[in-house]
Amino acid sequence: MPEQTASATKQFTITRVFDAPRDVIWRAWTDPDEASAWWHPEGVVTPRESVELDVRPGGRYRYTMIAPDGSEYPTAGVYREVVEPERLVFTCGMPDDEGAPLITVTLADLGDRTEMTFHLVGIAGVPGDENVYDGWASAFHVLDGRLDGRLDAPLDGRRAGGPDAPLDNGGQR
């Protein structure tokens, strides 16, 4: 039987395929207006004024999630690696958290679709944990809704609201 030691790494990976080109998913991760729309689990909000992104190696970011009961969850980190449009590596934790977990987001170009691999090192997570894994999985569901036009002002320029919604400058709904 394999032996587990104290040096075993706490980590998890979530892989999703989004029905959007890679540049759209890259923008979701790197544009503060877009990040504020989905960097939170369902039922939680991230006010746009709380989001600051300096997307470059050594750059910092911060945002605050607010739960329905008013509880605030400030989050911050440092970008370690930025390879547009395919890879982001950054820390993620409380502001000034020296031992923050490390997240790697890899975006594989599938034409009109994108495979995103989200890998977090520093926290164990499993589906159903009602913690970090489920929080990120829920956030990716929010992003999916945004891409599908179920939320206002989706990333790809389509407008929510169906066939009677006003057209944007590109002639799309």
Protein backbone atom coordinates (compact mmCIF):
# COMPACT_ATOMS: atom_id res chain seq x y z
CA MET A 1 0.00 0.00 0.00
CA PRO A 2 1.41 3.46 -0.90
CA GLU A 3 2.49 5.50 2.07
CA GLN A 4 1.24 9.06 2.44
CA THR A 5 3.57 11.57 3.98
CA ALA A 6 3.27 15.08 5.33
CA SER A 7 4.86 16.31 2.11
CA ALA A 8 1.88 15.16 0.03
CA THR A 9 0.64 18.18 -1.94
CA LYS A 10 -2.89 19.40 -1.43
CA GLN A 11 -4.27 20.20 -4.86
CA PHE A 12 -7.10 19.77 -7.33
CA THR A 13 -7.86 20.27 -11.01
CA ILE A 14 -11.05 21.32 -12.80
CA THR A 15 -11.24 20.97 -16.58
CA ARG A 16 -14.02 22.65 -18.55
CA VAL A 17 -14.74 23.15 -22.23
CA PHE A 18 -16.37 26.51 -22.95
CA ASP A 19 -18.33 27.30 -26.12
CA ALA A 20 -16.21 30.36 -26.84
CA PRO A 21 -12.91 31.04 -28.60
CA ARG A 22 -9.76 31.18 -26.51
CA ASP A 23 -9.40 34.99 -26.77
CA VAL A 24 -12.85 35.40 -25.18
CA ILE A 25 -11.94 33.13 -22.26
CA TRP A 26 -8.57 34.91 -21.90
CA ARG A 27 -10.45 38.22 -21.63
CA ALA A 28 -12.72 36.69 -18.99
CA TRP A 29 -9.62 36.07 -16.86
CA THR A 30 -7.78 39.34 -17.59
CA ASP A 31 -10.34 42.14 -18.02
CA PRO A 32 -11.58 43.62 -14.72
CA ASP A 33 -15.04 44.35 -16.14
CA GLU A 34 -15.40 40.71 -17.14
CA ALA A 35 -13.81 39.29 -13.98
CA SER A 36 -16.28 41.15 -11.78
CA ALA A 37 -19.13 39.44 -13.62
CA TRP A 38 -18.07 35.89 -12.75
CA TRP A 39 -15.24 35.73 -10.17
CA HIS A 40 -17.64 34.45 -7.53
CA PRO A 41 -19.90 31.49 -6.85
CA GLU A 42 -23.57 31.67 -7.77
CA GLY A 43 -25.51 33.88 -5.36
CA VAL A 44 -22.44 35.98 -4.50
CA VAL A 45 -21.38 39.24 -6.18
CA THR A 46 -18.04 40.86 -6.95
CA PRO A 47 -18.56 44.63 -7.26
CA ARG A 48 -16.66 46.08 -10.23
CA GLU A 49 -15.11 48.80 -8.04
CA SER A 50 -13.42 46.10 -5.94
CA VAL A 51 -11.58 44.55 -8.91
CA GLU A 52 -8.04 45.63 -9.78
CA LEU A 53 -5.93 43.56 -12.19
CA ASP A 54 -2.31 44.23 -13.19
CA VAL A 55 -1.90 41.26 -15.53
CA ARG A 56 1.88 40.93 -15.94
CA PRO A 57 4.51 38.84 -14.17
CA GLY A 58 4.90 40.39 -10.71
CA GLY A 59 1.64 42.34 -11.11
CA ARG A 60 -0.96 42.18 -8.37
CA TYR A 61 -4.71 41.75 -8.39
CA ARG A 62 -7.46 42.09 -5.82
CA TYR A 63 -11.22 41.76 -5.60
CA THR A 64 -13.88 41.33 -2.95
CA MET A 65 -16.76 38.88 -3.07
CA ILE A 66 -19.90 39.79 -1.12
CA ALA A 67 -22.32 37.10 0.05
CA PRO A 68 -26.09 37.67 0.31
CA ASP A 69 -25.75 38.12 4.10
CA GLY A 70 -23.24 40.96 3.54
CA SER A 71 -20.16 38.94 4.49
CA GLU A 72 -17.12 40.13 2.54
CA TYR A 73 -14.36 37.90 1.18
CA PRO A 74 -11.34 39.95 0.06
CA THR A 75 -9.04 38.04 -2.28
CA ALA A 76 -5.66 39.01 -3.71
CA GLY A 77 -2.58 37.60 -5.33
CA VAL A 78 0.41 38.06 -7.57
CA TYR A 79 0.75 36.99 -11.20
CA ARG A 80 3.78 34.72 -11.56
CA GLU A 81 3.47 33.88 -15.26
CA VAL A 82 1.42 35.44 -18.06
CA VAL A 83 1.52 33.88 -21.54
CA GLU A 84 -1.25 35.48 -23.59
CA PRO A 85 -3.64 33.88 -24.56
CA GLU A 86 -2.80 30.47 -23.18
CA ARG A 87 -1.53 30.44 -19.60
CA LEU A 88 -1.82 32.31 -16.31
CA VAL A 89 -0.06 31.37 -13.08
CA PHE A 90 -0.91 33.35 -9.95
CA THR A 91 -1.21 33.14 -6.19
CA CYS A 92 -4.66 33.37 -4.64
CA GLY A 93 -5.52 34.08 -1.04
CA MET A 94 -6.26 36.73 1.52
CA PRO A 95 -4.49 40.06 0.93
CA ASP A 96 -0.86 39.85 2.17
CA ASP A 97 -1.09 36.03 2.46
CA GLU A 98 2.51 34.84 2.09
CA GLY A 99 1.58 31.15 1.86
CA ALA A 100 -1.20 31.60 -0.68
CA PRO A 101 -2.18 28.73 -2.95
CA LEU A 102 -0.90 28.76 -6.54
CA ILE A 103 -3.32 28.59 -9.48
CA THR A 104 -2.41 27.67 -13.04
CA VAL A 105 -4.98 28.30 -15.77
CA THR A 106 -4.22 26.78 -19.17
CA LEU A 107 -6.40 27.55 -22.19
CA ALA A 108 -6.29 25.15 -25.13
CA ASP A 109 -7.58 26.47 -28.45
CA LEU A 110 -10.31 24.22 -29.89
CA GLY A 111 -11.39 26.65 -32.63
CA ASP A 112 -14.75 28.08 -31.54
CA ARG A 113 -14.36 26.33 -28.18
CA THR A 114 -11.75 26.45 -25.43
CA GLU A 115 -10.60 23.78 -23.01
CA MET A 116 -9.67 25.37 -19.70
CA THR A 117 -7.58 23.46 -17.18
CA PHE A 118 -7.67 25.07 -13.75
CA HIS A 119 -5.10 23.61 -11.34
CA LEU A 120 -4.82 24.80 -7.73
CA VAL A 121 -1.93 23.76 -5.49
CA GLY A 122 -2.12 24.41 -1.76
CA ILE A 123 -5.69 23.40 -0.90
CA ALA A 124 -7.25 19.96 -1.19
CA GLY A 125 -10.56 20.06 -2.98
CA VAL A 126 -13.16 17.62 -4.25
CA PRO A 127 -16.60 17.98 -5.78
CA GLY A 128 -19.15 18.46 -3.03
CA ASP A 129 -16.71 20.01 -0.55
CA GLU A 130 -18.85 23.17 -0.20
CA ASN A 131 -15.55 25.03 -0.09
CA VAL A 132 -12.88 26.08 -2.58
CA TYR A 133 -13.50 23.37 -5.21
CA ASP A 134 -17.25 23.93 -5.25
CA GLY A 135 -16.75 27.71 -5.20
CA TRP A 136 -14.60 27.67 -8.32
CA ALA A 137 -16.85 25.11 -10.04
CA SER A 138 -19.81 27.41 -9.34
CA ALA A 139 -17.89 30.43 -10.67
CA PHE A 140 -17.20 28.53 -13.90
CA HIS A 141 -20.94 27.85 -14.13
CA VAL A 142 -21.53 31.62 -13.81
CA LEU A 143 -19.02 32.18 -16.62
CA ASP A 144 -20.80 29.56 -18.73
CA GLY A 145 -24.07 31.43 -18.21
CA ARG A 146 -22.43 34.66 -19.26
CA LEU A 147 -21.12 33.04 -22.43
CA ASP A 148 -24.52 31.51 -23.20
CA GLY A 149 -26.18 34.93 -22.95
CA ARG A 150 -28.16 34.11 -19.83
CA LEU A 151 -26.63 37.12 -18.06
CA ASP A 152 -26.34 40.79 -19.07
CA ALA A 153 -23.58 41.95 -21.43
CA PRO A 154 -21.91 38.64 -22.22
CA LEU A 155 -18.25 38.48 -23.21
CA ASP A 156 -18.72 37.75 -26.90
CA GLY A 157 -20.93 40.77 -27.59
CA ARG A 158 -24.27 38.96 -27.63
CA ARG A 159 -26.98 40.54 -25.52
CA ALA A 160 -29.13 38.64 -23.12
CA GLY A 161 -32.84 38.87 -23.70
CA GLY A 162 -33.56 36.70 -26.69
CA PRO A 163 -34.70 37.64 -30.18
CA ASP A 164 -36.34 40.94 -29.16
CA ALA A 165 -33.20 42.30 -27.48
CA PRO A 166 -31.65 45.34 -29.17
CA LEU A 167 -28.82 44.66 -31.59
CA ASP A 168 -25.28 45.73 -30.71
CA ASN A 169 -23.02 47.59 -33.17
CA GLY A 170 -22.00 44.30 -34.74
CA GLY A 171 -25.59 43.40 -35.60
CA GLN A 172 -25.81 40.68 -32.94
CA ARG A 173 -28.34 40.30 -30.17
